[in-house]
mmCIF file of all heavy atoms, coordinates in Angstrom:
data_MODEL
# 
_entry.id   MODEL 
# 
loop_
_atom_site.group_PDB 
_atom_site.id 
_atom_site.type_symbol 
_atom_site.label_atom_id 
_atom_site.label_alt_id 
_atom_site.label_comp_id 
_atom_site.label_asym_id 
_atom_site.label_entity_id 
_atom_site.label_seq_id 
_atom_site.pdbx_PDB_ins_code 
_atom_site.Cartn_x 
_atom_site.Cartn_y 
_atom_site.Cartn_z 
_atom_site.occupancy 
_atom_site.B_iso_or_equiv 
_atom_site.pdbx_formal_charge 
_atom_site.auth_seq_id 
_atom_site.auth_comp_id 
_atom_site.auth_asym_id 
_atom_site.auth_atom_id 
_atom_site.pdbx_PDB_model_num 
ATOM 1   N N   . VAL A 1 1  ? 0.844   -1.197  0.000   1.00 0.00 ? 1  VAL A N   1 
ATOM 2   C CA  . VAL A 1 1  ? 0.000   0.000   0.000   1.00 0.00 ? 1  VAL A CA  1 
ATOM 3   C C   . VAL A 1 1  ? 0.881   1.250   0.000   1.00 0.00 ? 1  VAL A C   1 
ATOM 4   O O   . VAL A 1 1  ? 2.107   1.171   -0.007  1.00 0.00 ? 1  VAL A O   1 
ATOM 5   C CB  . VAL A 1 1  ? -0.970  0.007   1.198   1.00 0.00 ? 1  VAL A CB  1 
ATOM 6   C CG1 . VAL A 1 1  ? -1.900  -1.192  1.116   1.00 0.00 ? 1  VAL A CG1 1 
ATOM 7   C CG2 . VAL A 1 1  ? -0.203  -0.014  2.511   1.00 0.00 ? 1  VAL A CG2 1 
ATOM 8   N N   . GLU A 1 2  ? 0.226   2.424   0.013   1.00 0.00 ? 2  GLU A N   1 
ATOM 9   C CA  . GLU A 1 2  ? 0.925   3.674   -0.229  1.00 0.00 ? 2  GLU A CA  1 
ATOM 10  C C   . GLU A 1 2  ? 2.031   3.990   0.775   1.00 0.00 ? 2  GLU A C   1 
ATOM 11  O O   . GLU A 1 2  ? 3.006   4.664   0.413   1.00 0.00 ? 2  GLU A O   1 
ATOM 12  C CB  . GLU A 1 2  ? -0.074  4.829   -0.248  1.00 0.00 ? 2  GLU A CB  1 
ATOM 13  C CG  . GLU A 1 2  ? -0.847  5.028   1.049   1.00 0.00 ? 2  GLU A CG  1 
ATOM 14  C CD  . GLU A 1 2  ? -1.839  6.184   0.938   1.00 0.00 ? 2  GLU A CD  1 
ATOM 15  O OE1 . GLU A 1 2  ? -1.558  7.142   0.209   1.00 0.00 ? 2  GLU A OE1 1 
ATOM 16  O OE2 . GLU A 1 2  ? -2.899  6.117   1.588   1.00 0.00 ? 2  GLU A OE2 1 
ATOM 17  N N   . ASP A 1 3  ? 1.919   3.524   2.017   1.00 0.00 ? 3  ASP A N   1 
ATOM 18  C CA  . ASP A 1 3  ? 2.947   3.836   3.000   1.00 0.00 ? 3  ASP A CA  1 
ATOM 19  C C   . ASP A 1 3  ? 4.047   2.776   3.059   1.00 0.00 ? 3  ASP A C   1 
ATOM 20  O O   . ASP A 1 3  ? 4.904   2.807   3.941   1.00 0.00 ? 3  ASP A O   1 
ATOM 21  C CB  . ASP A 1 3  ? 2.337   4.037   4.383   1.00 0.00 ? 3  ASP A CB  1 
ATOM 22  C CG  . ASP A 1 3  ? 1.618   2.797   4.907   1.00 0.00 ? 3  ASP A CG  1 
ATOM 23  O OD1 . ASP A 1 3  ? 1.708   1.736   4.257   1.00 0.00 ? 3  ASP A OD1 1 
ATOM 24  O OD2 . ASP A 1 3  ? 0.964   2.898   5.960   1.00 0.00 ? 3  ASP A OD2 1 
ATOM 25  N N   . GLY A 1 4  ? 4.024   1.831   2.126   1.00 0.00 ? 4  GLY A N   1 
ATOM 26  C CA  . GLY A 1 4  ? 5.079   0.836   2.036   1.00 0.00 ? 4  GLY A CA  1 
ATOM 27  C C   . GLY A 1 4  ? 4.801   -0.463  2.765   1.00 0.00 ? 4  GLY A C   1 
ATOM 28  O O   . GLY A 1 4  ? 5.606   -1.402  2.688   1.00 0.00 ? 4  GLY A O   1 
ATOM 29  N N   . GLU A 1 5  ? 3.681   -0.560  3.473   1.00 0.00 ? 5  GLU A N   1 
ATOM 30  C CA  . GLU A 1 5  ? 3.356   -1.795  4.191   1.00 0.00 ? 5  GLU A CA  1 
ATOM 31  C C   . GLU A 1 5  ? 2.776   -2.830  3.236   1.00 0.00 ? 5  GLU A C   1 
ATOM 32  O O   . GLU A 1 5  ? 1.975   -2.507  2.346   1.00 0.00 ? 5  GLU A O   1 
ATOM 33  C CB  . GLU A 1 5  ? 2.347   -1.520  5.307   1.00 0.00 ? 5  GLU A CB  1 
ATOM 34  C CG  . GLU A 1 5  ? 1.983   -2.754  6.120   1.00 0.00 ? 5  GLU A CG  1 
ATOM 35  C CD  . GLU A 1 5  ? 0.945   -2.483  7.192   1.00 0.00 ? 5  GLU A CD  1 
ATOM 36  O OE1 . GLU A 1 5  ? 0.552   -1.312  7.369   1.00 0.00 ? 5  GLU A OE1 1 
ATOM 37  O OE2 . GLU A 1 5  ? 0.526   -3.452  7.846   1.00 0.00 ? 5  GLU A OE2 1 
ATOM 38  N N   . ASP A 1 6  ? 3.170   -4.079  3.435   1.00 0.00 ? 6  ASP A N   1 
ATOM 39  C CA  . ASP A 1 6  ? 2.573   -5.187  2.688   1.00 0.00 ? 6  ASP A CA  1 
ATOM 40  C C   . ASP A 1 6  ? 1.312   -5.653  3.402   1.00 0.00 ? 6  ASP A C   1 
ATOM 41  O O   . ASP A 1 6  ? 1.324   -5.875  4.622   1.00 0.00 ? 6  ASP A O   1 
ATOM 42  C CB  . ASP A 1 6  ? 3.549   -6.355  2.576   1.00 0.00 ? 6  ASP A CB  1 
ATOM 43  C CG  . ASP A 1 6  ? 4.697   -6.072  1.620   1.00 0.00 ? 6  ASP A CG  1 
ATOM 44  O OD1 . ASP A 1 6  ? 4.602   -5.093  0.859   1.00 0.00 ? 6  ASP A OD1 1 
ATOM 45  O OD2 . ASP A 1 6  ? 5.685   -6.819  1.647   1.00 0.00 ? 6  ASP A OD2 1 
ATOM 46  N N   . VAL A 1 7  ? 0.225   -5.807  2.650   1.00 0.00 ? 7  VAL A N   1 
ATOM 47  C CA  . VAL A 1 7  ? -1.049  -6.235  3.219   1.00 0.00 ? 7  VAL A CA  1 
ATOM 48  C C   . VAL A 1 7  ? -1.558  -7.444  2.444   1.00 0.00 ? 7  VAL A C   1 
ATOM 49  O O   . VAL A 1 7  ? -1.060  -7.774  1.364   1.00 0.00 ? 7  VAL A O   1 
ATOM 50  C CB  . VAL A 1 7  ? -2.093  -5.106  3.177   1.00 0.00 ? 7  VAL A CB  1 
ATOM 51  C CG1 . VAL A 1 7  ? -1.636  -3.928  4.037   1.00 0.00 ? 7  VAL A CG1 1 
ATOM 52  C CG2 . VAL A 1 7  ? -2.345  -4.637  1.744   1.00 0.00 ? 7  VAL A CG2 1 
ATOM 53  N N   . ALA A 1 8  ? -2.568  -8.119  3.013   1.00 0.00 ? 8  ALA A N   1 
ATOM 54  C CA  . ALA A 1 8  ? -3.110  -9.337  2.410   1.00 0.00 ? 8  ALA A CA  1 
ATOM 55  C C   . ALA A 1 8  ? -4.500  -9.093  1.856   1.00 0.00 ? 8  ALA A C   1 
ATOM 56  O O   . ALA A 1 8  ? -5.349  -8.477  2.501   1.00 0.00 ? 8  ALA A O   1 
ATOM 57  C CB  . ALA A 1 8  ? -3.158  -10.455 3.446   1.00 0.00 ? 8  ALA A CB  1 
ATOM 58  N N   . VAL A 1 9  ? -4.730  -9.572  0.642   1.00 0.00 ? 9  VAL A N   1 
ATOM 59  C CA  . VAL A 1 9  ? -6.056  -9.610  0.017   1.00 0.00 ? 9  VAL A CA  1 
ATOM 60  C C   . VAL A 1 9  ? -6.290  -11.064 -0.352  1.00 0.00 ? 9  VAL A C   1 
ATOM 61  O O   . VAL A 1 9  ? -5.630  -11.596 -1.240  1.00 0.00 ? 9  VAL A O   1 
ATOM 62  C CB  . VAL A 1 9  ? -6.128  -8.739  -1.249  1.00 0.00 ? 9  VAL A CB  1 
ATOM 63  C CG1 . VAL A 1 9  ? -7.564  -8.664  -1.751  1.00 0.00 ? 9  VAL A CG1 1 
ATOM 64  C CG2 . VAL A 1 9  ? -5.557  -7.351  -1.007  1.00 0.00 ? 9  VAL A CG2 1 
ATOM 65  N N   . ASP A 1 10 ? -7.228  -11.736 0.321   1.00 0.00 ? 10 ASP A N   1 
ATOM 66  C CA  . ASP A 1 10 ? -7.361  -13.178 0.145   1.00 0.00 ? 10 ASP A CA  1 
ATOM 67  C C   . ASP A 1 10 ? -8.368  -13.597 -0.910  1.00 0.00 ? 10 ASP A C   1 
ATOM 68  O O   . ASP A 1 10 ? -8.192  -14.629 -1.540  1.00 0.00 ? 10 ASP A O   1 
ATOM 69  C CB  . ASP A 1 10 ? -7.713  -13.833 1.479   1.00 0.00 ? 10 ASP A CB  1 
ATOM 70  C CG  . ASP A 1 10 ? -6.554  -13.773 2.459   1.00 0.00 ? 10 ASP A CG  1 
ATOM 71  O OD1 . ASP A 1 10 ? -5.477  -14.275 2.106   1.00 0.00 ? 10 ASP A OD1 1 
ATOM 72  O OD2 . ASP A 1 10 ? -6.726  -13.202 3.549   1.00 0.00 ? 10 ASP A OD2 1 
ATOM 73  N N   . TYR A 1 11 ? -9.429  -12.821 -1.095  1.00 0.00 ? 11 TYR A N   1 
ATOM 74  C CA  . TYR A 1 11 ? -10.364 -13.207 -2.139  1.00 0.00 ? 11 TYR A CA  1 
ATOM 75  C C   . TYR A 1 11 ? -11.143 -12.014 -2.662  1.00 0.00 ? 11 TYR A C   1 
ATOM 76  O O   . TYR A 1 11 ? -11.241 -10.975 -2.009  1.00 0.00 ? 11 TYR A O   1 
ATOM 77  C CB  . TYR A 1 11 ? -11.311 -14.319 -1.700  1.00 0.00 ? 11 TYR A CB  1 
ATOM 78  C CG  . TYR A 1 11 ? -12.210 -14.014 -0.526  1.00 0.00 ? 11 TYR A CG  1 
ATOM 79  C CD1 . TYR A 1 11 ? -13.489 -13.492 -0.707  1.00 0.00 ? 11 TYR A CD1 1 
ATOM 80  C CD2 . TYR A 1 11 ? -11.794 -14.280 0.774   1.00 0.00 ? 11 TYR A CD2 1 
ATOM 81  C CE1 . TYR A 1 11 ? -14.319 -13.250 0.371   1.00 0.00 ? 11 TYR A CE1 1 
ATOM 82  C CE2 . TYR A 1 11 ? -12.618 -14.033 1.844   1.00 0.00 ? 11 TYR A CE2 1 
ATOM 83  C CZ  . TYR A 1 11 ? -13.886 -13.517 1.645   1.00 0.00 ? 11 TYR A CZ  1 
ATOM 84  O OH  . TYR A 1 11 ? -14.708 -13.261 2.707   1.00 0.00 ? 11 TYR A OH  1 
ATOM 85  N N   . LEU A 1 12 ? -11.672 -12.180 -3.869  1.00 0.00 ? 12 LEU A N   1 
ATOM 86  C CA  . LEU A 1 12 ? -12.445 -11.145 -4.534  1.00 0.00 ? 12 LEU A CA  1 
ATOM 87  C C   . LEU A 1 12 ? -13.921 -11.526 -4.563  1.00 0.00 ? 12 LEU A C   1 
ATOM 88  O O   . LEU A 1 12 ? -14.276 -12.700 -4.651  1.00 0.00 ? 12 LEU A O   1 
ATOM 89  C CB  . LEU A 1 12 ? -11.954 -10.954 -5.974  1.00 0.00 ? 12 LEU A CB  1 
ATOM 90  C CG  . LEU A 1 12 ? -10.503 -10.492 -6.145  1.00 0.00 ? 12 LEU A CG  1 
ATOM 91  C CD1 . LEU A 1 12 ? -10.165 -10.401 -7.631  1.00 0.00 ? 12 LEU A CD1 1 
ATOM 92  C CD2 . LEU A 1 12 ? -10.266 -9.160  -5.451  1.00 0.00 ? 12 LEU A CD2 1 
ATOM 93  N N   . ALA A 1 13 ? -14.762 -10.524 -4.497  1.00 0.00 ? 13 ALA A N   1 
ATOM 94  C CA  . ALA A 1 13 ? -16.207 -10.743 -4.566  1.00 0.00 ? 13 ALA A CA  1 
ATOM 95  C C   . ALA A 1 13 ? -16.631 -11.024 -6.001  1.00 0.00 ? 13 ALA A C   1 
ATOM 96  O O   . ALA A 1 13 ? -15.968 -10.631 -6.970  1.00 0.00 ? 13 ALA A O   1 
ATOM 97  C CB  . ALA A 1 13 ? -16.946 -9.514  -4.030  1.00 0.00 ? 13 ALA A CB  1 
ATOM 98  N N   . ALA A 1 14 ? -17.768 -11.709 -6.133  1.00 0.00 ? 14 ALA A N   1 
ATOM 99  C CA  . ALA A 1 14 ? -18.296 -12.072 -7.443  1.00 0.00 ? 14 ALA A CA  1 
ATOM 100 C C   . ALA A 1 14 ? -19.283 -11.021 -7.939  1.00 0.00 ? 14 ALA A C   1 
ATOM 101 O O   . ALA A 1 14 ? -19.932 -10.324 -7.157  1.00 0.00 ? 14 ALA A O   1 
ATOM 102 C CB  . ALA A 1 14 ? -18.989 -13.435 -7.362  1.00 0.00 ? 14 ALA A CB  1 
ATOM 103 N N   . ILE A 1 15 ? -19.407 -10.935 -9.248  1.00 0.00 ? 15 ILE A N   1 
ATOM 104 C CA  . ILE A 1 15 ? -20.464 -10.133 -9.852  1.00 0.00 ? 15 ILE A CA  1 
ATOM 105 C C   . ILE A 1 15 ? -21.719 -10.997 -9.853  1.00 0.00 ? 15 ILE A C   1 
ATOM 106 O O   . ILE A 1 15 ? -21.806 -11.994 -10.575 1.00 0.00 ? 15 ILE A O   1 
ATOM 107 C CB  . ILE A 1 15 ? -20.104 -9.714  -11.289 1.00 0.00 ? 15 ILE A CB  1 
ATOM 108 C CG1 . ILE A 1 15 ? -18.878 -8.798  -11.282 1.00 0.00 ? 15 ILE A CG1 1 
ATOM 109 C CG2 . ILE A 1 15 ? -21.289 -9.017  -11.953 1.00 0.00 ? 15 ILE A CG2 1 
ATOM 110 C CD1 . ILE A 1 15 ? -18.403 -8.396  -12.673 1.00 0.00 ? 15 ILE A CD1 1 
ATOM 111 N N   . GLY A 1 16 ? -22.693 -10.650 -9.012  1.00 0.00 ? 16 GLY A N   1 
ATOM 112 C CA  . GLY A 1 16 ? -23.904 -11.453 -8.924  1.00 0.00 ? 16 GLY A CA  1 
ATOM 113 C C   . GLY A 1 16 ? -24.662 -11.195 -7.647  1.00 0.00 ? 16 GLY A C   1 
ATOM 114 O O   . GLY A 1 16 ? -24.490 -10.161 -7.001  1.00 0.00 ? 16 GLY A O   1 
ATOM 115 N N   . ARG A 1 17 ? -25.491 -12.179 -7.267  1.00 0.00 ? 17 ARG A N   1 
ATOM 116 C CA  . ARG A 1 17 ? -26.416 -12.012 -6.150  1.00 0.00 ? 17 ARG A CA  1 
ATOM 117 C C   . ARG A 1 17 ? -26.346 -13.146 -5.133  1.00 0.00 ? 17 ARG A C   1 
ATOM 118 O O   . ARG A 1 17 ? -27.247 -13.277 -4.299  1.00 0.00 ? 17 ARG A O   1 
ATOM 119 C CB  . ARG A 1 17 ? -27.853 -11.926 -6.680  1.00 0.00 ? 17 ARG A CB  1 
ATOM 120 C CG  . ARG A 1 17 ? -28.083 -10.864 -7.730  1.00 0.00 ? 17 ARG A CG  1 
ATOM 121 C CD  . ARG A 1 17 ? -29.469 -10.967 -8.336  1.00 0.00 ? 17 ARG A CD  1 
ATOM 122 N NE  . ARG A 1 17 ? -29.675 -10.021 -9.409  1.00 0.00 ? 17 ARG A NE  1 
ATOM 123 C CZ  . ARG A 1 17 ? -30.043 -8.759  -9.222  1.00 0.00 ? 17 ARG A CZ  1 
ATOM 124 N NH1 . ARG A 1 17 ? -30.264 -8.320  -8.000  1.00 0.00 ? 17 ARG A NH1 1 
ATOM 125 N NH2 . ARG A 1 17 ? -30.208 -7.936  -10.255 1.00 0.00 ? 17 ARG A NH2 1 
ATOM 126 N N   . SER A 1 18 ? -25.341 -13.984 -5.180  1.00 0.00 ? 18 SER A N   1 
ATOM 127 C CA  . SER A 1 18 ? -25.265 -15.089 -4.226  1.00 0.00 ? 18 SER A CA  1 
ATOM 128 C C   . SER A 1 18 ? -25.266 -14.535 -2.805  1.00 0.00 ? 18 SER A C   1 
ATOM 129 O O   . SER A 1 18 ? -24.812 -13.413 -2.556  1.00 0.00 ? 18 SER A O   1 
ATOM 130 C CB  . SER A 1 18 ? -24.005 -15.925 -4.466  1.00 0.00 ? 18 SER A CB  1 
ATOM 131 O OG  . SER A 1 18 ? -22.843 -15.148 -4.231  1.00 0.00 ? 18 SER A OG  1 
ATOM 132 N N   . PRO A 1 19 ? -25.783 -15.299 -1.837  1.00 0.00 ? 19 PRO A N   1 
ATOM 133 C CA  . PRO A 1 19 ? -25.996 -14.759 -0.488  1.00 0.00 ? 19 PRO A CA  1 
ATOM 134 C C   . PRO A 1 19 ? -24.771 -14.167 0.177   1.00 0.00 ? 19 PRO A C   1 
ATOM 135 O O   . PRO A 1 19 ? -24.868 -13.143 0.852   1.00 0.00 ? 19 PRO A O   1 
ATOM 136 C CB  . PRO A 1 19 ? -26.521 -15.972 0.287   1.00 0.00 ? 19 PRO A CB  1 
ATOM 137 C CG  . PRO A 1 19 ? -27.161 -16.833 -0.751  1.00 0.00 ? 19 PRO A CG  1 
ATOM 138 C CD  . PRO A 1 19 ? -26.316 -16.657 -1.976  1.00 0.00 ? 19 PRO A CD  1 
ATOM 139 N N   . GLU A 1 20 ? -23.599 -14.774 0.014   1.00 0.00 ? 20 GLU A N   1 
ATOM 140 C CA  . GLU A 1 20 ? -22.463 -14.332 0.811   1.00 0.00 ? 20 GLU A CA  1 
ATOM 141 C C   . GLU A 1 20 ? -21.384 -13.610 0.032   1.00 0.00 ? 20 GLU A C   1 
ATOM 142 O O   . GLU A 1 20 ? -20.920 -12.568 0.454   1.00 0.00 ? 20 GLU A O   1 
ATOM 143 C CB  . GLU A 1 20 ? -21.828 -15.532 1.533   1.00 0.00 ? 20 GLU A CB  1 
ATOM 144 C CG  . GLU A 1 20 ? -22.704 -16.114 2.618   1.00 0.00 ? 20 GLU A CG  1 
ATOM 145 C CD  . GLU A 1 20 ? -21.954 -17.129 3.465   1.00 0.00 ? 20 GLU A CD  1 
ATOM 146 O OE1 . GLU A 1 20 ? -20.785 -17.396 3.156   1.00 0.00 ? 20 GLU A OE1 1 
ATOM 147 O OE2 . GLU A 1 20 ? -22.549 -17.634 4.424   1.00 0.00 ? 20 GLU A OE2 1 
ATOM 148 N N   . ASP A 1 21 ? -20.960 -14.151 -1.079  1.00 0.00 ? 21 ASP A N   1 
ATOM 149 C CA  . ASP A 1 21 ? -19.719 -13.699 -1.680  1.00 0.00 ? 21 ASP A CA  1 
ATOM 150 C C   . ASP A 1 21 ? -19.889 -12.907 -2.970  1.00 0.00 ? 21 ASP A C   1 
ATOM 151 O O   . ASP A 1 21 ? -19.032 -12.963 -3.850  1.00 0.00 ? 21 ASP A O   1 
ATOM 152 C CB  . ASP A 1 21 ? -18.811 -14.903 -1.934  1.00 0.00 ? 21 ASP A CB  1 
ATOM 153 C CG  . ASP A 1 21 ? -18.431 -15.572 -0.625  1.00 0.00 ? 21 ASP A CG  1 
ATOM 154 O OD1 . ASP A 1 21 ? -17.937 -14.884 0.264   1.00 0.00 ? 21 ASP A OD1 1 
ATOM 155 O OD2 . ASP A 1 21 ? -18.647 -16.788 -0.504  1.00 0.00 ? 21 ASP A OD2 1 
ATOM 156 N N   . SER A 1 22 ? -20.964 -12.158 -3.100  1.00 0.00 ? 22 SER A N   1 
ATOM 157 C CA  . SER A 1 22 ? -21.169 -11.377 -4.308  1.00 0.00 ? 22 SER A CA  1 
ATOM 158 C C   . SER A 1 22 ? -21.413 -9.917  -3.973  1.00 0.00 ? 22 SER A C   1 
ATOM 159 O O   . SER A 1 22 ? -21.706 -9.540  -2.837  1.00 0.00 ? 22 SER A O   1 
ATOM 160 C CB  . SER A 1 22 ? -22.355 -11.927 -5.108  1.00 0.00 ? 22 SER A CB  1 
ATOM 161 O OG  . SER A 1 22 ? -23.567 -11.636 -4.442  1.00 0.00 ? 22 SER A OG  1 
ATOM 162 N N   . LEU A 1 23 ? -21.317 -9.078  -4.996  1.00 0.00 ? 23 LEU A N   1 
ATOM 163 C CA  . LEU A 1 23 ? -21.471 -7.632  -4.817  1.00 0.00 ? 23 LEU A CA  1 
ATOM 164 C C   . LEU A 1 23 ? -22.866 -7.257  -4.321  1.00 0.00 ? 23 LEU A C   1 
ATOM 165 O O   . LEU A 1 23 ? -23.022 -6.277  -3.591  1.00 0.00 ? 23 LEU A O   1 
ATOM 166 C CB  . LEU A 1 23 ? -21.171 -6.914  -6.133  1.00 0.00 ? 23 LEU A CB  1 
ATOM 167 C CG  . LEU A 1 23 ? -19.763 -7.088  -6.700  1.00 0.00 ? 23 LEU A CG  1 
ATOM 168 C CD1 . LEU A 1 23 ? -19.615 -6.288  -8.001  1.00 0.00 ? 23 LEU A CD1 1 
ATOM 169 C CD2 . LEU A 1 23 ? -18.703 -6.668  -5.689  1.00 0.00 ? 23 LEU A CD2 1 
ATOM 170 N N   . LEU A 1 24 ? -23.882 -8.027  -4.719  1.00 0.00 ? 24 LEU A N   1 
ATOM 171 C CA  . LEU A 1 24 ? -25.258 -7.726  -4.311  1.00 0.00 ? 24 LEU A CA  1 
ATOM 172 C C   . LEU A 1 24 ? -25.788 -8.718  -3.276  1.00 0.00 ? 24 LEU A C   1 
ATOM 173 O O   . LEU A 1 24 ? -26.977 -8.723  -2.982  1.00 0.00 ? 24 LEU A O   1 
ATOM 174 C CB  . LEU A 1 24 ? -26.185 -7.727  -5.530  1.00 0.00 ? 24 LEU A CB  1 
ATOM 175 C CG  . LEU A 1 24 ? -25.938 -6.630  -6.568  1.00 0.00 ? 24 LEU A CG  1 
ATOM 176 C CD1 . LEU A 1 24 ? -26.932 -6.761  -7.715  1.00 0.00 ? 24 LEU A CD1 1 
ATOM 177 C CD2 . LEU A 1 24 ? -26.026 -5.244  -5.952  1.00 0.00 ? 24 LEU A CD2 1 
# 
């Protein structure tokens, strides 16, 4: 990130409407 720290991003959300892991 901008201040030089390493961070973790483990998963991306889906384009759709599923109950848990989507944008809607």
